[in-house]
Amino acid sequence: MKSIKSFLFGFIALMICAVSTPTTMAYSTDADLYDRIDQEMVIQLTDDDNSGSVDQTVLDNKRADASEVINTYLRGKYEVPLDPAPKILTNIEADLLVHSLYARRANYEIPDSVKESKKDALDLLMKINQGKILLEDQPDVASGSLVTNKSSTDRLFPDDTLKQF
């Protein structure tokens, strides 16, 4: 009995780890970010330790957050994460990332252009979610086909028997 309990606890712990392990794939790169704001600003927005360099952990965490926002809008419509990522998602993620980095700093005023870019990015995601914008070369989850290993000879009851009911 004790071994069954320890097995179950181990199994449950393994399942919790599997569920909580992030499967987020980034849709953008640092280069996409630097197309929007310069590296000095990224340093100011991420460098909590005053090391004078970009805190890559902060940047990666915020990018993962932006990816998850995208995946949340696309889940159910497309199989996420999308690989390769359409350019529109790269732009959306970079815009969400910039806003998220500014939002980390209470003493920084988020520029209106950054606020507008975030709003536009979320509007695009909503339109993709609603099917008003379709992503190129991405199979629609709803267009999947049903596959079975059964044939008409595997049936328990033939048509003439079923017609009697």
C-alpha atoms as a PDB file:
ATOM      1  CA  MET A   1       0.000   0.000   0.000  1.00  0.00           C
ATOM      2  CA  LYS A   2       2.855   2.353   0.827  1.00  0.00           C
ATOM      3  CA  SER A   3       4.444   1.841  -2.601  1.00  0.00           C
ATOM      4  CA  ILE A   4       1.153   2.644  -4.332  1.00  0.00           C
ATOM      5  CA  LYS A   5       0.868   5.893  -2.387  1.00  0.00           C
ATOM      6  CA  SER A   6       4.443   6.892  -3.177  1.00  0.00           C
ATOM      7  CA  PHE A   7       3.872   6.026  -6.836  1.00  0.00           C
ATOM      8  CA  LEU A   8       0.727   8.151  -6.945  1.00  0.00           C
ATOM      9  CA  PHE A   9       2.435  11.099  -5.257  1.00  0.00           C
ATOM     10  CA  GLY A  10       5.352  10.812  -7.669  1.00  0.00           C
ATOM     11  CA  PHE A  11       3.007  10.573 -10.634  1.00  0.00           C
ATOM     12  CA  ILE A  12       1.006  13.604  -9.498  1.00  0.00           C
ATOM     13  CA  ALA A  13       4.202  15.613  -8.973  1.00  0.00           C
ATOM     14  CA  LEU A  14       5.390  14.646 -12.452  1.00  0.00           C
ATOM     15  CA  MET A  15       2.079  15.706 -13.987  1.00  0.00           C
ATOM     16  CA  ILE A  16       2.167  19.047 -12.177  1.00  0.00           C
ATOM     17  CA  CYS A  17       5.682  19.671 -13.516  1.00  0.00           C
ATOM     18  CA  ALA A  18       4.610  18.698 -17.022  1.00  0.00           C
ATOM     19  CA  VAL A  19       1.628  21.041 -16.915  1.00  0.00           C
ATOM     20  CA  SER A  20       3.578  23.947 -15.465  1.00  0.00           C
ATOM     21  CA  THR A  21       6.530  23.635 -17.864  1.00  0.00           C
ATOM     22  CA  PRO A  22       6.252  26.497 -20.343  1.00  0.00           C
ATOM     23  CA  THR A  23       5.959  25.555 -24.005  1.00  0.00           C
ATOM     24  CA  THR A  24       6.040  29.087 -25.270  1.00  0.00           C
ATOM     25  CA  MET A  25       8.006  29.777 -28.401  1.00  0.00           C
ATOM     26  CA  ALA A  26       9.119  33.308 -29.144  1.00  0.00           C
ATOM     27  CA  TYR A  27       7.801  34.881 -32.323  1.00  0.00           C
ATOM     28  CA  SER A  28      10.324  37.738 -32.289  1.00  0.00           C
ATOM     29  CA  THR A  29      14.034  38.227 -31.763  1.00  0.00           C
ATOM     30  CA  ASP A  30      16.123  40.885 -30.073  1.00  0.00           C
ATOM     31  CA  ALA A  31      16.732  42.398 -33.528  1.00  0.00           C
ATOM     32  CA  ASP A  32      12.969  42.870 -33.931  1.00  0.00           C
ATOM     33  CA  LEU A  33      12.907  44.652 -30.583  1.00  0.00           C
ATOM     34  CA  TYR A  34      15.840  46.899 -31.530  1.00  0.00           C
ATOM     35  CA  ASP A  35      13.965  47.898 -34.681  1.00  0.00           C
ATOM     36  CA  ARG A  36      11.482  49.576 -32.347  1.00  0.00           C
ATOM     37  CA  ILE A  37      13.649  50.947 -29.525  1.00  0.00           C
ATOM     38  CA  ASP A  38      17.401  51.289 -29.249  1.00  0.00           C
ATOM     39  CA  GLN A  39      19.585  49.103 -27.072  1.00  0.00           C
ATOM     40  CA  GLU A  40      20.305  51.890 -24.578  1.00  0.00           C
ATOM     41  CA  MET A  41      16.582  52.184 -23.830  1.00  0.00           C
ATOM     42  CA  VAL A  42      16.299  48.397 -23.469  1.00  0.00           C
ATOM     43  CA  ILE A  43      19.156  48.540 -20.964  1.00  0.00           C
ATOM     44  CA  GLN A  44      17.336  51.225 -18.974  1.00  0.00           C
ATOM     45  CA  LEU A  45      14.121  49.198 -19.031  1.00  0.00           C
ATOM     46  CA  THR A  46      15.659  45.841 -18.014  1.00  0.00           C
ATOM     47  CA  ASP A  47      18.793  46.568 -15.964  1.00  0.00           C
ATOM     48  CA  ASP A  48      17.562  46.290 -12.378  1.00  0.00           C
ATOM     49  CA  ASP A  49      21.092  45.693 -11.030  1.00  0.00           C
ATOM     50  CA  ASN A  50      22.695  48.718 -12.730  1.00  0.00           C
ATOM     51  CA  SER A  51      25.172  46.488 -14.544  1.00  0.00           C
ATOM     52  CA  GLY A  52      25.053  48.639 -17.662  1.00  0.00           C
ATOM     53  CA  SER A  53      23.823  45.822 -19.882  1.00  0.00           C
ATOM     54  CA  VAL A  54      20.552  44.273 -20.992  1.00  0.00           C
ATOM     55  CA  ASP A  55      19.178  41.808 -18.462  1.00  0.00           C
ATOM     56  CA  GLN A  56      18.456  38.977 -20.875  1.00  0.00           C
ATOM     57  CA  THR A  57      16.418  37.061 -18.290  1.00  0.00           C
ATOM     58  CA  VAL A  58      14.007  39.966 -17.875  1.00  0.00           C
ATOM     59  CA  LEU A  59      13.826  40.370 -21.640  1.00  0.00           C
ATOM     60  CA  ASP A  60      13.202  36.661 -22.232  1.00  0.00           C
ATOM     61  CA  ASN A  61      10.511  36.523 -19.531  1.00  0.00           C
ATOM     62  CA  LYS A  62       8.676  39.520 -20.989  1.00  0.00           C
ATOM     63  CA  ARG A  63       8.978  38.031 -24.493  1.00  0.00           C
ATOM     64  CA  ALA A  64       7.517  34.745 -23.198  1.00  0.00           C
ATOM     65  CA  ASP A  65       4.623  36.723 -21.674  1.00  0.00           C
ATOM     66  CA  ALA A  66       3.968  38.401 -25.035  1.00  0.00           C
ATOM     67  CA  SER A  67       4.121  35.033 -26.816  1.00  0.00           C
ATOM     68  CA  GLU A  68       1.570  33.621 -24.415  1.00  0.00           C
ATOM     69  CA  VAL A  69      -0.778  36.547 -25.061  1.00  0.00           C
ATOM     70  CA  ILE A  70      -0.535  35.774 -28.783  1.00  0.00           C
ATOM     71  CA  ASN A  71      -1.070  32.049 -28.219  1.00  0.00           C
ATOM     72  CA  THR A  72      -4.094  32.754 -26.049  1.00  0.00           C
ATOM     73  CA  TYR A  73      -5.778  34.624 -28.895  1.00  0.00           C
ATOM     74  CA  LEU A  74      -4.811  31.988 -31.489  1.00  0.00           C
ATOM     75  CA  ARG A  75      -5.482  28.837 -29.465  1.00  0.00           C
ATOM     76  CA  GLY A  76      -8.503  26.990 -30.825  1.00  0.00           C
ATOM     77  CA  LYS A  77      -8.135  28.650 -34.223  1.00  0.00           C
ATOM     78  CA  TYR A  78      -4.567  27.553 -34.986  1.00  0.00           C
ATOM     79  CA  GLU A  79      -2.217  24.997 -33.518  1.00  0.00           C
ATOM     80  CA  VAL A  80       0.145  27.017 -31.323  1.00  0.00           C
ATOM     81  CA  PRO A  81       2.943  27.866 -31.232  1.00  0.00           C
ATOM     82  CA  LEU A  82       3.070  28.665 -34.935  1.00  0.00           C
ATOM     83  CA  ASP A  83       6.333  27.628 -36.553  1.00  0.00           C
ATOM     84  CA  PRO A  84       7.401  29.310 -38.705  1.00  0.00           C
ATOM     85  CA  ALA A  85       5.827  32.446 -37.359  1.00  0.00           C
ATOM     86  CA  PRO A  86       4.113  34.752 -39.825  1.00  0.00           C
ATOM     87  CA  LYS A  87       5.699  38.230 -39.921  1.00  0.00           C
ATOM     88  CA  ILE A  88       2.525  39.771 -38.498  1.00  0.00           C
ATOM     89  CA  LEU A  89       3.030  37.795 -35.267  1.00  0.00           C
ATOM     90  CA  THR A  90       6.659  38.896 -35.082  1.00  0.00           C
ATOM     91  CA  ASN A  91       5.506  42.516 -35.242  1.00  0.00           C
ATOM     92  CA  ILE A  92       2.708  41.964 -32.748  1.00  0.00           C
ATOM     93  CA  GLU A  93       5.026  40.307 -30.244  1.00  0.00           C
ATOM     94  CA  ALA A  94       7.671  43.011 -30.581  1.00  0.00           C
ATOM     95  CA  ASP A  95       5.048  45.729 -29.998  1.00  0.00           C
ATOM     96  CA  LEU A  96       3.654  43.923 -26.947  1.00  0.00           C
ATOM     97  CA  LEU A  97       7.194  43.399 -25.651  1.00  0.00           C
ATOM     98  CA  VAL A  98       8.096  47.090 -25.920  1.00  0.00           C
ATOM     99  CA  HIS A  99       4.966  48.062 -23.999  1.00  0.00           C
ATOM    100  CA  SER A 100       5.640  45.425 -21.365  1.00  0.00           C
ATOM    101  CA  LEU A 101       9.200  46.657 -20.850  1.00  0.00           C
ATOM    102  CA  TYR A 102       8.039  50.250 -20.377  1.00  0.00           C
ATOM    103  CA  ALA A 103       5.302  49.105 -18.005  1.00  0.00           C
ATOM    104  CA  ARG A 104       7.963  47.592 -15.707  1.00  0.00           C
ATOM    105  CA  ARG A 105       9.177  51.057 -14.799  1.00  0.00           C
ATOM    106  CA  ALA A 106       6.792  53.098 -12.707  1.00  0.00           C
ATOM    107  CA  ASN A 107       8.927  56.212 -13.181  1.00  0.00           C
ATOM    108  CA  TYR A 108       8.789  56.049 -17.000  1.00  0.00           C
ATOM    109  CA  GLU A 109       5.946  57.549 -18.950  1.00  0.00           C
ATOM    110  CA  ILE A 110       4.906  55.095 -21.634  1.00  0.00           C
ATOM    111  CA  PRO A 111       5.092  56.961 -24.952  1.00  0.00           C
ATOM    112  CA  ASP A 112       1.787  57.402 -26.768  1.00  0.00           C
ATOM    113  CA  SER A 113       3.204  55.628 -29.815  1.00  0.00           C
ATOM    114  CA  VAL A 114       3.979  52.554 -27.663  1.00  0.00           C
ATOM    115  CA  LYS A 115       0.477  52.611 -26.163  1.00  0.00           C
ATOM    116  CA  GLU A 116      -1.030  52.875 -29.649  1.00  0.00           C
ATOM    117  CA  SER A 117       1.155  50.047 -30.962  1.00  0.00           C
ATOM    118  CA  LYS A 118      -0.034  47.779 -28.151  1.00  0.00           C
ATOM    119  CA  LYS A 119      -3.664  48.663 -28.847  1.00  0.00           C
ATOM    120  CA  ASP A 120      -3.179  47.972 -32.568  1.00  0.00           C
ATOM    121  CA  ALA A 121      -1.450  44.662 -31.799  1.00  0.00           C
ATOM    122  CA  LEU A 122      -4.340  43.504 -29.601  1.00  0.00           C
ATOM    123  CA  ASP A 123      -6.857  44.632 -32.238  1.00  0.00           C
ATOM    124  CA  LEU A 124      -5.019  42.554 -34.851  1.00  0.00           C
ATOM    125  CA  LEU A 125      -5.019  39.536 -32.546  1.00  0.00           C
ATOM    126  CA  MET A 126      -8.761  39.937 -32.010  1.00  0.00           C
ATOM    127  CA  LYS A 127      -9.345  40.078 -35.781  1.00  0.00           C
ATOM    128  CA  ILE A 128      -7.215  36.956 -36.278  1.00  0.00           C
ATOM    129  CA  ASN A 129      -9.164  35.239 -33.498  1.00  0.00           C
ATOM    130  CA  GLN A 130     -12.474  36.183 -35.133  1.00  0.00           C
ATOM    131  CA  GLY A 131     -11.298  34.990 -38.556  1.00  0.00           C
ATOM    132  CA  LYS A 132     -11.381  38.479 -40.096  1.00  0.00           C
ATOM    133  CA  ILE A 133      -7.647  38.125 -40.777  1.00  0.00           C
ATOM    134  CA  LEU A 134      -6.259  34.757 -41.845  1.00  0.00           C
ATOM    135  CA  LEU A 135      -2.650  33.781 -41.318  1.00  0.00           C
ATOM    136  CA  GLU A 136      -0.857  32.533 -44.422  1.00  0.00           C
ATOM    137  CA  ASP A 137       0.305  28.920 -44.656  1.00  0.00           C
ATOM    138  CA  GLN A 138      -1.244  27.970 -41.311  1.00  0.00           C
ATOM    139  CA  PRO A 139      -3.670  25.062 -41.098  1.00  0.00           C
ATOM    140  CA  ASP A 140      -6.911  25.924 -39.355  1.00  0.00           C
ATOM    141  CA  VAL A 141      -7.499  23.675 -36.325  1.00  0.00           C
ATOM    142  CA  ALA A 142     -11.175  23.409 -37.247  1.00  0.00           C
ATOM    143  CA  SER A 143     -10.309  22.091 -40.724  1.00  0.00           C
ATOM    144  CA  GLY A 144      -8.805  18.881 -39.344  1.00  0.00           C
ATOM    145  CA  SER A 145     -10.150  15.585 -40.588  1.00  0.00           C
ATOM    146  CA  LEU A 146     -11.574  12.711 -38.611  1.00  0.00           C
ATOM    147  CA  VAL A 147      -9.559   9.518 -38.838  1.00  0.00           C
ATOM    148  CA  THR A 148     -10.817   6.156 -37.635  1.00  0.00           C
ATOM    149  CA  ASN A 149      -9.584   2.612 -37.741  1.00  0.00           C
ATOM    150  CA  LYS A 150     -13.093   1.161 -38.087  1.00  0.00           C
ATOM    151  CA  SER A 151     -14.807  -0.090 -41.215  1.00  0.00           C
ATOM    152  CA  SER A 152     -18.369  -1.101 -42.042  1.00  0.00           C
ATOM    153  CA  THR A 153     -17.471  -4.748 -41.370  1.00  0.00           C
ATOM    154  CA  ASP A 154     -16.531  -3.872 -37.759  1.00  0.00           C
ATOM    155  CA  ARG A 155     -20.100  -2.876 -36.909  1.00  0.00           C
ATOM    156  CA  LEU A 156     -21.922  -4.839 -34.231  1.00  0.00           C
ATOM    157  CA  PHE A 157     -25.343  -4.344 -35.803  1.00  0.00           C
ATOM    158  CA  PRO A 158     -26.020  -4.326 -39.554  1.00  0.00           C
ATOM    159  CA  ASP A 159     -28.256  -1.664 -41.130  1.00  0.00           C
ATOM    160  CA  ASP A 160     -31.295  -3.953 -41.339  1.00  0.00           C
ATOM    161  CA  THR A 161     -31.128  -4.629 -37.579  1.00  0.00           C
ATOM    162  CA  LEU A 162     -30.792  -0.955 -36.766  1.00  0.00           C
ATOM    163  CA  LYS A 163     -33.773  -0.077 -38.972  1.00  0.00           C
ATOM    164  CA  GLN A 164     -36.017  -2.157 -36.692  1.00  0.00           C
ATOM    165  CA  PHE A 165     -35.557   0.328 -33.848  1.00  0.00           C
END
